[in-house]
């Protein structure tokens, strides 16, 4: 389980999360790493956190997101949604294993 806490004040945006990754082995949650960064700050105005998949296209989700984010524009949110949706479509897993409700919602349109 991932815990993400956000706080927006007049002085700034604060976001924290746990750093633990786990895998399921024989029905048990087993910790595999406690140093994962689950937050990405973008252009000083946006903060992303993730839960679920720790790797996308073989890379840490935080690194994938940093590289996938385009320069700021009016369409940057749409661009990152399209890139993430395409990356998730390449996974040969059942939808419930991808743990990305937004990507599944996008597929239904």
C-alpha atoms as a PDB file:
ATOM      1  CA  UNK A   1       0.000   0.000   0.000  1.00  0.00           C
ATOM      2  CA  UNK A   2       1.269   3.460  -0.862  1.00  0.00           C
ATOM      3  CA  UNK A   3       0.633   6.466   1.334  1.00  0.00           C
ATOM      4  CA  UNK A   4       0.695   9.901  -0.341  1.00  0.00           C
ATOM      5  CA  UNK A   5       0.004  13.086   1.601  1.00  0.00           C
ATOM      6  CA  UNK A   6      -0.457  16.478  -0.073  1.00  0.00           C
ATOM      7  CA  UNK A   7      -0.673  19.909   1.512  1.00  0.00           C
ATOM      8  CA  UNK A   8      -1.285  23.108  -0.444  1.00  0.00           C
ATOM      9  CA  UNK A   9      -0.723  26.383   1.394  1.00  0.00           C
ATOM     10  CA  UNK A  10      -0.192  29.991   0.388  1.00  0.00           C
ATOM     11  CA  UNK A  11       3.544  29.345   0.725  1.00  0.00           C
ATOM     12  CA  UNK A  12       3.763  26.209  -1.389  1.00  0.00           C
ATOM     13  CA  UNK A  13       2.804  22.678  -2.262  1.00  0.00           C
ATOM     14  CA  UNK A  14       4.103  19.893  -0.080  1.00  0.00           C
ATOM     15  CA  UNK A  15       3.891  16.255  -1.027  1.00  0.00           C
ATOM     16  CA  UNK A  16       5.301  13.220   0.735  1.00  0.00           C
ATOM     17  CA  UNK A  17       4.959   9.478   0.260  1.00  0.00           C
ATOM     18  CA  UNK A  18       6.325   6.302   1.670  1.00  0.00           C
ATOM     19  CA  UNK A  19       9.308   4.774  -0.166  1.00  0.00           C
ATOM     20  CA  UNK A  20       8.566   1.064   0.175  1.00  0.00           C
ATOM     21  CA  UNK A  21       8.010  -1.298  -2.748  1.00  0.00           C
ATOM     22  CA  UNK A  22       6.531  -4.717  -2.207  1.00  0.00           C
ATOM     23  CA  UNK A  23       5.846  -7.756  -4.351  1.00  0.00           C
ATOM     24  CA  UNK A  24       3.382 -10.550  -3.718  1.00  0.00           C
ATOM     25  CA  UNK A  25       5.017 -13.945  -3.154  1.00  0.00           C
ATOM     26  CA  UNK A  26       2.725 -16.889  -2.408  1.00  0.00           C
ATOM     27  CA  UNK A  27      -0.042 -14.498  -1.395  1.00  0.00           C
ATOM     28  CA  UNK A  28       2.208 -12.577   1.006  1.00  0.00           C
ATOM     29  CA  UNK A  29       3.440  -8.987   0.615  1.00  0.00           C
ATOM     30  CA  UNK A  30       7.235  -8.995   0.686  1.00  0.00           C
ATOM     31  CA  UNK A  31       9.233  -5.720   0.841  1.00  0.00           C
ATOM     32  CA  UNK A  32      11.828  -5.445  -1.927  1.00  0.00           C
ATOM     33  CA  UNK A  33      13.031  -1.864  -1.615  1.00  0.00           C
ATOM     34  CA  UNK A  34      12.709   1.099   0.757  1.00  0.00           C
ATOM     35  CA  UNK A  35      14.342   3.817  -1.338  1.00  0.00           C
ATOM     36  CA  UNK A  36      11.878   4.374  -4.145  1.00  0.00           C
ATOM     37  CA  UNK A  37      10.867   7.909  -5.078  1.00  0.00           C
ATOM     38  CA  UNK A  38       7.138   8.060  -5.755  1.00  0.00           C
ATOM     39  CA  UNK A  39       6.898  11.827  -6.327  1.00  0.00           C
ATOM     40  CA  UNK A  40       7.805  13.950  -9.342  1.00  0.00           C
ATOM     41  CA  UNK A  41       7.670  17.749  -9.291  1.00  0.00           C
ATOM     42  CA  UNK A  42       7.186  19.469 -12.654  1.00  0.00           C
ATOM     43  CA  UNK A  43       8.033  23.066 -13.519  1.00  0.00           C
ATOM     44  CA  UNK A  44       7.575  24.215  -9.938  1.00  0.00           C
ATOM     45  CA  UNK A  45       3.778  24.097 -10.261  1.00  0.00           C
ATOM     46  CA  UNK A  46       2.770  20.453 -10.546  1.00  0.00           C
ATOM     47  CA  UNK A  47       3.312  17.426  -8.328  1.00  0.00           C
ATOM     48  CA  UNK A  48       2.747  13.833  -9.390  1.00  0.00           C
ATOM     49  CA  UNK A  49       2.687  10.767  -7.182  1.00  0.00           C
ATOM     50  CA  UNK A  50       2.139   7.212  -8.234  1.00  0.00           C
ATOM     51  CA  UNK A  51       0.904   3.976  -6.793  1.00  0.00           C
ATOM     52  CA  UNK A  52       0.819   0.587  -8.424  1.00  0.00           C
ATOM     53  CA  UNK A  53       3.446  -0.251 -11.006  1.00  0.00           C
ATOM     54  CA  UNK A  54       6.958   0.543  -9.854  1.00  0.00           C
ATOM     55  CA  UNK A  55       8.366   0.178 -13.360  1.00  0.00           C
ATOM     56  CA  UNK A  56       7.118   1.225 -16.779  1.00  0.00           C
ATOM     57  CA  UNK A  57       8.913   0.032 -19.890  1.00  0.00           C
ATOM     58  CA  UNK A  58      11.643  -1.453 -17.685  1.00  0.00           C
ATOM     59  CA  UNK A  59      12.429   1.818 -15.868  1.00  0.00           C
ATOM     60  CA  UNK A  60      11.454   3.249 -12.515  1.00  0.00           C
ATOM     61  CA  UNK A  61       8.088   4.977 -12.814  1.00  0.00           C
ATOM     62  CA  UNK A  62       9.544   8.261 -11.547  1.00  0.00           C
ATOM     63  CA  UNK A  63      12.313   8.214 -14.169  1.00  0.00           C
ATOM     64  CA  UNK A  64       9.860   7.195 -16.903  1.00  0.00           C
ATOM     65  CA  UNK A  65       7.564  10.082 -15.965  1.00  0.00           C
ATOM     66  CA  UNK A  66      10.384  12.641 -15.914  1.00  0.00           C
ATOM     67  CA  UNK A  67      11.444  11.629 -19.432  1.00  0.00           C
ATOM     68  CA  UNK A  68       7.862  11.355 -20.720  1.00  0.00           C
ATOM     69  CA  UNK A  69       6.817  14.831 -19.595  1.00  0.00           C
ATOM     70  CA  UNK A  70       6.911  17.253 -22.527  1.00  0.00           C
ATOM     71  CA  UNK A  71       7.844  20.921 -22.267  1.00  0.00           C
ATOM     72  CA  UNK A  72       4.979  22.894 -20.688  1.00  0.00           C
ATOM     73  CA  UNK A  73       2.186  23.607 -23.140  1.00  0.00           C
ATOM     74  CA  UNK A  74      -1.584  23.665 -23.177  1.00  0.00           C
ATOM     75  CA  UNK A  75      -1.610  19.985 -24.221  1.00  0.00           C
ATOM     76  CA  UNK A  76       1.001  18.553 -21.833  1.00  0.00           C
ATOM     77  CA  UNK A  77      -1.563  16.666 -19.715  1.00  0.00           C
ATOM     78  CA  UNK A  78      -3.032  15.028 -22.818  1.00  0.00           C
ATOM     79  CA  UNK A  79       0.460  14.099 -24.045  1.00  0.00           C
ATOM     80  CA  UNK A  80       1.457  12.369 -20.801  1.00  0.00           C
ATOM     81  CA  UNK A  81      -1.889  10.520 -20.683  1.00  0.00           C
ATOM     82  CA  UNK A  82      -1.319   9.250 -24.239  1.00  0.00           C
ATOM     83  CA  UNK A  83       2.257   8.139 -23.464  1.00  0.00           C
ATOM     84  CA  UNK A  84       1.218   6.338 -20.283  1.00  0.00           C
ATOM     85  CA  UNK A  85      -1.749   4.695 -21.999  1.00  0.00           C
ATOM     86  CA  UNK A  86       0.488   3.437 -24.803  1.00  0.00           C
ATOM     87  CA  UNK A  87       3.061   2.082 -22.327  1.00  0.00           C
ATOM     88  CA  UNK A  88       0.331   0.272 -20.377  1.00  0.00           C
ATOM     89  CA  UNK A  89      -1.191  -1.179 -23.553  1.00  0.00           C
ATOM     90  CA  UNK A  90       2.164  -2.838 -24.300  1.00  0.00           C
ATOM     91  CA  UNK A  91       2.013  -4.775 -21.025  1.00  0.00           C
ATOM     92  CA  UNK A  92       0.792  -8.304 -21.631  1.00  0.00           C
ATOM     93  CA  UNK A  93      -1.066  -8.402 -18.318  1.00  0.00           C
ATOM     94  CA  UNK A  94      -4.745  -8.493 -17.402  1.00  0.00           C
ATOM     95  CA  UNK A  95      -6.141  -4.990 -16.777  1.00  0.00           C
ATOM     96  CA  UNK A  96      -6.620  -5.579 -13.046  1.00  0.00           C
ATOM     97  CA  UNK A  97      -2.871  -6.212 -12.710  1.00  0.00           C
ATOM     98  CA  UNK A  98      -1.984  -2.857 -14.246  1.00  0.00           C
ATOM     99  CA  UNK A  99      -3.674  -0.943 -11.431  1.00  0.00           C
ATOM    100  CA  UNK A 100      -4.335   2.110 -13.563  1.00  0.00           C
ATOM    101  CA  UNK A 101      -8.004   3.029 -13.461  1.00  0.00           C
ATOM    102  CA  UNK A 102      -7.499   6.150 -15.569  1.00  0.00           C
ATOM    103  CA  UNK A 103      -5.840   4.181 -18.373  1.00  0.00           C
ATOM    104  CA  UNK A 104      -8.713   1.688 -18.369  1.00  0.00           C
ATOM    105  CA  UNK A 105     -11.204   4.564 -18.427  1.00  0.00           C
ATOM    106  CA  UNK A 106      -9.394   6.058 -21.432  1.00  0.00           C
ATOM    107  CA  UNK A 107      -9.632   2.709 -23.281  1.00  0.00           C
ATOM    108  CA  UNK A 108     -13.419   2.669 -22.886  1.00  0.00           C
ATOM    109  CA  UNK A 109     -13.980   5.921 -24.768  1.00  0.00           C
END
